[in-house]
C-alpha atoms as a PDB file:
ATOM      1  CA  MET A   1     -17.073  16.195  -6.933  1.00  0.00           C
ATOM      2  CA  ALA A   2     -15.236  18.566  -4.620  1.00  0.00           C
ATOM      3  CA  LEU A   3     -12.581  17.204  -2.295  1.00  0.00           C
ATOM      4  CA  ALA A   4     -13.785  17.129   1.292  1.00  0.00           C
ATOM      5  CA  GLN A   5     -12.033  19.591   3.555  1.00  0.00           C
ATOM      6  CA  PRO A   6      -9.714  17.886   6.052  1.00  0.00           C
ATOM      7  CA  THR A   7     -10.363  18.122   9.754  1.00  0.00           C
ATOM      8  CA  THR A   8      -8.220  20.462  11.835  1.00  0.00           C
ATOM      9  CA  GLU A   9      -6.082  17.530  13.018  1.00  0.00           C
ATOM     10  CA  ALA A  10      -5.634  16.263   9.466  1.00  0.00           C
ATOM     11  CA  ARG A  11      -4.857  19.756   8.214  1.00  0.00           C
ATOM     12  CA  VAL A  12      -2.101  20.296  10.784  1.00  0.00           C
ATOM     13  CA  THR A  13      -0.636  16.826  10.183  1.00  0.00           C
ATOM     14  CA  GLY A  14      -0.919  17.275   6.435  1.00  0.00           C
ATOM     15  CA  LEU A  15       0.953  20.563   6.568  1.00  0.00           C
ATOM     16  CA  ARG A  16       3.809  19.036   8.488  1.00  0.00           C
ATOM     17  CA  LEU A  17       3.984  16.069   6.123  1.00  0.00           C
ATOM     18  CA  ARG A  18       3.658  18.239   3.044  1.00  0.00           C
ATOM     19  CA  GLN A  19       6.682  20.184   4.209  1.00  0.00           C
ATOM     20  CA  GLY A  20       8.547  16.888   4.447  1.00  0.00           C
ATOM     21  CA  PHE A  21       7.566  15.971   0.895  1.00  0.00           C
ATOM     22  CA  VAL A  22       8.884  19.310  -0.329  1.00  0.00           C
ATOM     23  CA  THR A  23      12.343  18.326   0.908  1.00  0.00           C
ATOM     24  CA  LEU A  24      12.072  14.929  -0.791  1.00  0.00           C
ATOM     25  CA  VAL A  25      10.695  15.821  -4.180  1.00  0.00           C
ATOM     26  CA  SER A  26      11.663  18.469  -6.669  1.00  0.00           C
ATOM     27  CA  VAL A  27       8.454  19.082  -8.599  1.00  0.00           C
ATOM     28  CA  ASP A  28       6.703  21.846 -10.490  1.00  0.00           C
ATOM     29  CA  ALA A  29       3.729  23.669  -9.039  1.00  0.00           C
ATOM     30  CA  ARG A  30       1.147  21.314 -10.606  1.00  0.00           C
ATOM     31  CA  ASP A  31       2.818  18.196  -9.275  1.00  0.00           C
ATOM     32  CA  SER A  32       3.317  19.823  -5.867  1.00  0.00           C
ATOM     33  CA  GLU A  33      -0.414  20.513  -5.673  1.00  0.00           C
ATOM     34  CA  LEU A  34      -1.200  16.944  -6.719  1.00  0.00           C
ATOM     35  CA  LEU A  35       0.932  15.515  -3.929  1.00  0.00           C
ATOM     36  CA  ALA A  36      -0.365  17.939  -1.321  1.00  0.00           C
ATOM     37  CA  THR A  37      -3.963  17.151  -2.251  1.00  0.00           C
ATOM     38  CA  ALA A  38      -3.323  13.391  -2.330  1.00  0.00           C
ATOM     39  CA  LEU A  39      -1.719  13.504   1.090  1.00  0.00           C
ATOM     40  CA  ALA A  40      -4.590  15.488   2.622  1.00  0.00           C
ATOM     41  CA  PHE A  41      -7.058  13.117   0.958  1.00  0.00           C
ATOM     42  CA  ALA A  42      -5.288  10.022   2.342  1.00  0.00           C
ATOM     43  CA  ILE A  43      -5.104  11.474   5.862  1.00  0.00           C
ATOM     44  CA  GLU A  44      -8.815  12.260   5.821  1.00  0.00           C
ATOM     45  CA  ALA A  45      -9.870   8.956   4.208  1.00  0.00           C
ATOM     46  CA  HIS A  46      -7.878   6.807   6.657  1.00  0.00           C
ATOM     47  CA  ALA A  47      -8.755   8.891   9.735  1.00  0.00           C
ATOM     48  CA  GLY A  48      -9.362   6.621  12.723  1.00  0.00           C
ATOM     49  CA  GLN A  49      -7.905   3.520  11.033  1.00  0.00           C
ATOM     50  CA  THR A  50      -4.940   1.690  12.562  1.00  0.00           C
ATOM     51  CA  ARG A  51      -2.574  -1.038  11.474  1.00  0.00           C
ATOM     52  CA  LYS A  52      -3.608  -4.601  12.386  1.00  0.00           C
ATOM     53  CA  GLY A  53      -2.464  -5.572  15.857  1.00  0.00           C
ATOM     54  CA  ASN A  54      -1.395  -2.141  17.113  1.00  0.00           C
ATOM     55  CA  ASP A  55      -2.474   1.461  17.476  1.00  0.00           C
ATOM     56  CA  THR A  56      -0.257   2.896  14.735  1.00  0.00           C
ATOM     57  CA  PRO A  57      -2.318   5.206  12.487  1.00  0.00           C
ATOM     58  CA  TYR A  58      -2.881   3.451   9.167  1.00  0.00           C
ATOM     59  CA  VAL A  59      -1.884   6.531   7.200  1.00  0.00           C
ATOM     60  CA  THR A  60       1.755   6.006   8.276  1.00  0.00           C
ATOM     61  CA  HIS A  61       1.856   3.005   5.942  1.00  0.00           C
ATOM     62  CA  VAL A  62       0.789   4.894   2.811  1.00  0.00           C
ATOM     63  CA  ILE A  63       3.208   7.709   3.628  1.00  0.00           C
ATOM     64  CA  ARG A  64       6.070   5.224   3.873  1.00  0.00           C
ATOM     65  CA  VAL A  65       4.999   3.669   0.582  1.00  0.00           C
ATOM     66  CA  ALA A  66       4.988   7.074  -1.085  1.00  0.00           C
ATOM     67  CA  ALA A  67       8.476   7.791   0.311  1.00  0.00           C
ATOM     68  CA  LEU A  68       9.746   4.507  -1.136  1.00  0.00           C
ATOM     69  CA  VAL A  69       8.263   5.383  -4.515  1.00  0.00           C
ATOM     70  CA  ILE A  70      10.113   8.703  -4.377  1.00  0.00           C
ATOM     71  CA  GLU A  71      13.352   7.005  -3.324  1.00  0.00           C
ATOM     72  CA  HIS A  72      13.188   4.652  -6.291  1.00  0.00           C
ATOM     73  CA  GLY A  73      12.489   7.240  -8.967  1.00  0.00           C
ATOM     74  CA  GLY A  74       8.722   7.405  -9.182  1.00  0.00           C
ATOM     75  CA  ASP A  75       7.054  10.478 -10.624  1.00  0.00           C
ATOM     76  CA  ALA A  76       4.293  12.547  -9.035  1.00  0.00           C
ATOM     77  CA  ALA A  77       1.454  10.350 -10.312  1.00  0.00           C
ATOM     78  CA  GLN A  78       3.126   7.230  -8.917  1.00  0.00           C
ATOM     79  CA  VAL A  79       3.772   8.928  -5.578  1.00  0.00           C
ATOM     80  CA  ALA A  80       0.121  10.062  -5.424  1.00  0.00           C
ATOM     81  CA  ALA A  81      -0.964   6.482  -6.198  1.00  0.00           C
ATOM     82  CA  GLY A  82       1.241   5.288  -3.347  1.00  0.00           C
ATOM     83  CA  LEU A  83      -0.550   7.671  -0.975  1.00  0.00           C
ATOM     84  CA  LEU A  84      -3.982   6.608  -2.235  1.00  0.00           C
ATOM     85  CA  HIS A  85      -3.483   2.915  -2.981  1.00  0.00           C
ATOM     86  CA  ASP A  86      -5.624   1.628  -0.101  1.00  0.00           C
ATOM     87  CA  THR A  87      -8.397   4.233  -0.182  1.00  0.00           C
ATOM     88  CA  VAL A  88     -10.798   2.416  -2.516  1.00  0.00           C
ATOM     89  CA  GLU A  89     -10.169  -0.881  -0.741  1.00  0.00           C
ATOM     90  CA  ASP A  90     -10.467   0.293   2.875  1.00  0.00           C
ATOM     91  CA  CYS A  91     -12.458   3.553   2.914  1.00  0.00           C
ATOM     92  CA  ALA A  92     -16.207   3.391   2.368  1.00  0.00           C
ATOM     93  CA  SER A  93     -16.372   7.048   1.272  1.00  0.00           C
ATOM     94  CA  VAL A  94     -13.874   6.573  -1.579  1.00  0.00           C
ATOM     95  CA  SER A  95     -14.671   5.078  -4.987  1.00  0.00           C
ATOM     96  CA  GLU A  96     -12.610   4.617  -8.135  1.00  0.00           C
ATOM     97  CA  GLU A  97     -14.655   7.390  -9.713  1.00  0.00           C
ATOM     98  CA  ARG A  98     -13.804   9.792  -6.882  1.00  0.00           C
ATOM     99  CA  VAL A  99     -10.106   9.061  -7.186  1.00  0.00           C
ATOM    100  CA  ARG A 100     -10.278   9.519 -10.964  1.00  0.00           C
ATOM    101  CA  GLU A 101     -12.165  12.793 -10.661  1.00  0.00           C
ATOM    102  CA  ASN A 102      -9.781  14.271  -8.082  1.00  0.00           C
ATOM    103  CA  PHE A 103      -6.428  12.882  -9.277  1.00  0.00           C
ATOM    104  CA  GLY A 104      -6.749  11.853 -12.908  1.00  0.00           C
ATOM    105  CA  ALA A 105      -6.846   8.657 -14.959  1.00  0.00           C
ATOM    106  CA  GLU A 106      -3.257   7.539 -14.398  1.00  0.00           C
ATOM    107  CA  VAL A 107      -3.414   7.706 -10.603  1.00  0.00           C
ATOM    108  CA  ALA A 108      -6.794   5.982 -10.618  1.00  0.00           C
ATOM    109  CA  ARG A 109      -5.500   3.231 -12.907  1.00  0.00           C
ATOM    110  CA  ILE A 110      -2.680   2.335 -10.533  1.00  0.00           C
ATOM    111  CA  VAL A 111      -4.880   2.588  -7.432  1.00  0.00           C
ATOM    112  CA  LEU A 112      -7.478   0.268  -8.967  1.00  0.00           C
ATOM    113  CA  ALA A 113      -4.818  -2.268  -9.973  1.00  0.00           C
ATOM    114  CA  LEU A 114      -3.589  -2.366  -6.386  1.00  0.00           C
ATOM    115  CA  THR A 115      -7.053  -2.610  -4.865  1.00  0.00           C
ATOM    116  CA  ASP A 116      -7.381  -5.991  -3.188  1.00  0.00           C
ATOM    117  CA  THR A 117     -11.151  -6.524  -3.483  1.00  0.00           C
ATOM    118  CA  LEU A 118     -13.602  -8.284  -5.785  1.00  0.00           C
ATOM    119  CA  PRO A 119     -16.798  -6.928  -7.364  1.00  0.00           C
ATOM    120  CA  GLY A 120     -19.443  -6.483  -4.693  1.00  0.00           C
ATOM    121  CA  ASP A 121     -16.932  -6.233  -1.850  1.00  0.00           C
ATOM    122  CA  SER A 122     -16.931  -3.358   0.617  1.00  0.00           C
ATOM    123  CA  PRO A 123     -14.445  -2.321   3.345  1.00  0.00           C
ATOM    124  CA  GLU A 124     -16.702  -4.020   5.905  1.00  0.00           C
ATOM    125  CA  ARG A 125     -17.529  -7.128   3.877  1.00  0.00           C
ATOM    126  CA  LYS A 126     -14.811  -8.669   1.697  1.00  0.00           C
ATOM    127  CA  SER A 127     -14.572 -11.899  -0.267  1.00  0.00           C
ATOM    128  CA  PRO A 128     -12.536 -14.784   1.205  1.00  0.00           C
ATOM    129  CA  TRP A 129      -8.815 -14.100   1.544  1.00  0.00           C
ATOM    130  CA  ARG A 130      -7.576 -16.678  -0.976  1.00  0.00           C
ATOM    131  CA  GLN A 131      -9.970 -15.520  -3.716  1.00  0.00           C
ATOM    132  CA  ARG A 132      -8.932 -11.915  -3.284  1.00  0.00           C
ATOM    133  CA  LYS A 133      -5.217 -12.692  -3.283  1.00  0.00           C
ATOM    134  CA  LEU A 134      -5.398 -14.834  -6.412  1.00  0.00           C
ATOM    135  CA  ALA A 135      -7.254 -12.025  -8.181  1.00  0.00           C
ATOM    136  CA  TYR A 136      -4.721  -9.466  -6.961  1.00  0.00           C
ATOM    137  CA  ILE A 137      -1.802 -11.566  -8.205  1.00  0.00           C
ATOM    138  CA  ALA A 138      -3.497 -11.917 -11.562  1.00  0.00           C
ATOM    139  CA  SER A 139      -3.843  -8.140 -11.681  1.00  0.00           C
ATOM    140  CA  LEU A 140      -0.135  -7.692 -10.919  1.00  0.00           C
ATOM    141  CA  GLU A 141       0.779 -10.027 -13.764  1.00  0.00           C
ATOM    142  CA  LYS A 142      -0.898  -7.635 -16.227  1.00  0.00           C
ATOM    143  CA  LEU A 143       0.387  -4.446 -14.602  1.00  0.00           C
ATOM    144  CA  ASP A 144       3.032  -2.269 -16.288  1.00  0.00           C
ATOM    145  CA  GLU A 145       6.300  -1.182 -14.705  1.00  0.00           C
ATOM    146  CA  ARG A 146       4.848   2.066 -13.404  1.00  0.00           C
ATOM    147  CA  GLY A 147       2.215   0.260 -11.392  1.00  0.00           C
ATOM    148  CA  ARG A 148       4.575  -2.508 -10.350  1.00  0.00           C
ATOM    149  CA  LEU A 149       6.901   0.012  -8.708  1.00  0.00           C
ATOM    150  CA  VAL A 150       4.086   1.202  -6.445  1.00  0.00           C
ATOM    151  CA  ALA A 151       3.014  -2.388  -5.715  1.00  0.00           C
ATOM    152  CA  PHE A 152       6.588  -3.419  -4.849  1.00  0.00           C
ATOM    153  CA  CYS A 153       6.933  -0.470  -2.461  1.00  0.00           C
ATOM    154  CA  ASP A 154       3.604  -1.331  -0.836  1.00  0.00           C
ATOM    155  CA  LYS A 155       4.526  -4.964  -0.294  1.00  0.00           C
ATOM    156  CA  LEU A 156       8.044  -4.119   0.892  1.00  0.00           C
ATOM    157  CA  ASP A 157       6.684  -1.829   3.587  1.00  0.00           C
ATOM    158  CA  ASN A 158       4.197  -4.478   4.673  1.00  0.00           C
ATOM    159  CA  LEU A 159       6.944  -7.070   4.800  1.00  0.00           C
ATOM    160  CA  ARG A 160       9.200  -4.757   6.807  1.00  0.00           C
ATOM    161  CA  SER A 161       6.447  -4.321   9.404  1.00  0.00           C
ATOM    162  CA  LEU A 162       5.736  -8.037   9.479  1.00  0.00           C
ATOM    163  CA  SER A 163       9.434  -8.845   9.957  1.00  0.00           C
ATOM    164  CA  ASP A 164       9.785  -6.312  12.766  1.00  0.00           C
ATOM    165  CA  ASP A 165       6.883  -7.962  14.570  1.00  0.00           C
ATOM    166  CA  LEU A 166       8.285 -11.446  14.012  1.00  0.00           C
ATOM    167  CA  ARG A 167      11.597 -10.429  15.588  1.00  0.00           C
ATOM    168  CA  VAL A 168       9.786  -9.208  18.692  1.00  0.00           C
ATOM    169  CA  GLY A 169       6.903 -11.640  19.105  1.00  0.00           C
ATOM    170  CA  GLY A 170       7.633 -14.607  16.866  1.00  0.00           C
ATOM    171  CA  VAL A 171       5.181 -16.415  14.613  1.00  0.00           C
ATOM    172  CA  ALA A 172       2.311 -15.776  17.057  1.00  0.00           C
ATOM    173  CA  THR A 173       2.163 -12.205  15.744  1.00  0.00           C
ATOM    174  CA  LEU A 174       0.838 -13.547  12.434  1.00  0.00           C
ATOM    175  CA  GLU A 175      -2.357 -14.727  14.116  1.00  0.00           C
ATOM    176  CA  ARG A 176      -3.825 -11.227  13.710  1.00  0.00           C
ATOM    177  CA  PHE A 177      -4.152 -11.779   9.960  1.00  0.00           C
ATOM    178  CA  SER A 178      -7.004 -13.529   8.137  1.00  0.00           C
ATOM    179  CA  ALA A 179      -4.481 -15.824   6.464  1.00  0.00           C
ATOM    180  CA  SER A 180      -2.619 -18.621   8.151  1.00  0.00           C
ATOM    181  CA  PRO A 181       1.170 -18.210   8.561  1.00  0.00           C
ATOM    182  CA  ARG A 182       1.885 -20.531   5.630  1.00  0.00           C
ATOM    183  CA  GLN A 183      -0.570 -18.607   3.432  1.00  0.00           C
ATOM    184  CA  THR A 184       1.147 -15.380   4.403  1.00  0.00           C
ATOM    185  CA  ARG A 185       4.492 -16.788   3.301  1.00  0.00           C
ATOM    186  CA  TRP A 186       2.992 -18.115   0.034  1.00  0.00           C
ATOM    187  CA  TYR A 187       1.465 -14.724  -0.733  1.00  0.00           C
ATOM    188  CA  TYR A 188       4.626 -12.682  -0.287  1.00  0.00           C
ATOM    189  CA  GLU A 189       6.714 -15.201  -2.195  1.00  0.00           C
ATOM    190  CA  THR A 190       4.228 -15.308  -5.085  1.00  0.00           C
ATOM    191  CA  VAL A 191       4.049 -11.520  -5.253  1.00  0.00           C
ATOM    192  CA  ARG A 192       7.847 -11.446  -5.389  1.00  0.00           C
ATOM    193  CA  SER A 193       7.951 -13.860  -8.317  1.00  0.00           C
ATOM    194  CA  VAL A 194       5.419 -11.758 -10.241  1.00  0.00           C
ATOM    195  CA  LEU A 195       7.035  -8.377  -9.598  1.00  0.00           C
ATOM    196  CA  GLY A 196      10.480  -9.433 -10.815  1.00  0.00           C
ATOM    197  CA  ALA A 197      13.911  -8.100  -9.887  1.00  0.00           C
ATOM    198  CA  SER A 198      13.602  -4.345 -10.494  1.00  0.00           C
ATOM    199  CA  PRO A 199      14.268  -2.016  -8.770  1.00  0.00           C
ATOM    200  CA  THR A 200      17.265  -4.070  -7.602  1.00  0.00           C
ATOM    201  CA  ALA A 201      17.504  -2.471  -4.144  1.00  0.00           C
ATOM    202  CA  ILE A 202      13.855  -3.261  -3.367  1.00  0.00           C
ATOM    203  CA  ALA A 203      14.145  -6.812  -4.696  1.00  0.00           C
ATOM    204  CA  GLN A 204      17.284  -7.509  -2.606  1.00  0.00           C
ATOM    205  CA  GLU A 205      15.743  -6.226   0.630  1.00  0.00           C
ATOM    206  CA  TYR A 206      12.518  -8.074  -0.123  1.00  0.00           C
ATOM    207  CA  ASP A 207      14.435 -11.314  -0.636  1.00  0.00           C
ATOM    208  CA  ARG A 208      16.267 -10.846   2.648  1.00  0.00           C
ATOM    209  CA  LEU A 209      12.984 -10.328   4.489  1.00  0.00           C
ATOM    210  CA  LEU A 210      11.471 -13.393   2.779  1.00  0.00           C
ATOM    211  CA  THR A 211      14.376 -15.436   4.111  1.00  0.00           C
ATOM    212  CA  GLU A 212      13.620 -14.183   7.627  1.00  0.00           C
ATOM    213  CA  LEU A 213       9.943 -15.040   7.174  1.00  0.00           C
ATOM    214  CA  ALA A 214      10.847 -18.562   6.025  1.00  0.00           C
ATOM    215  CA  CYS A 215      12.862 -19.063   9.215  1.00  0.00           C
ATOM    216  CA  HIS A 216       9.674 -18.540  11.218  1.00  0.00           C
ATOM    217  CA  VAL A 217       7.264 -20.241   8.786  1.00  0.00           C
ATOM    218  CA  PRO A 218       8.819 -23.410   7.278  1.00  0.00           C
ATOM    219  CA  GLU A 219       6.022 -24.121   4.788  1.00  0.00           C
ATOM    220  CA  ALA A 220       4.262 -22.030   2.138  1.00  0.00           C
ATOM    221  CA  SER A 221       0.802 -22.826   0.772  1.00  0.00           C
ATOM    222  CA  SER A 222      -2.184 -20.998  -0.669  1.00  0.00           C
ATOM    223  CA  GLU A 223      -4.410 -23.345   1.324  1.00  0.00           C
ATOM    224  CA  ARG A 224      -5.078 -22.760   4.964  1.00  0.00           C
END
């Protein structure tokens, strides 16, 4: 299946961001093409989507995740997975098969492991929050170090954004999520315990942000 051509807006944005990736990653021509294609694909797939509670384009999240993967030694396949990790979960036009066909088995494997849905779910109709999170945590427990790096970078970026919002608006900012505040705390703490202590820099920052979250949310529970 051929990769859809990006819109003019996506193409211009993708060019600017691709130039940024060139300064961050030293890769051969094949890897450079993989990253450029993954970036354009992510921009197109997430077009029109925003982060919960604000107007920030959703694609900014996956770009930050990819940058963290680069910073902590990930290779081109891991960086591509960082760019694409939410496409199957949140984009109706993207399937595991499409990711595999366009980006290869390794990228698809990591993306699927990080996809927070259950069989029969769609971006518009997902299973209850607790069921999905328990399944996701079980998937992380079986994931190798390559996938765990991408997962850790994803959750660190989410936790950074959550902490920024808490500093500005307090615990009320958590009301935009499907989970209750204590479920949110339980989830990030449980993910931390599964992912372990490597890379050290990510784990240390994650722990600091968990401490901040606990100051706002005194109790953790998987139940609402």
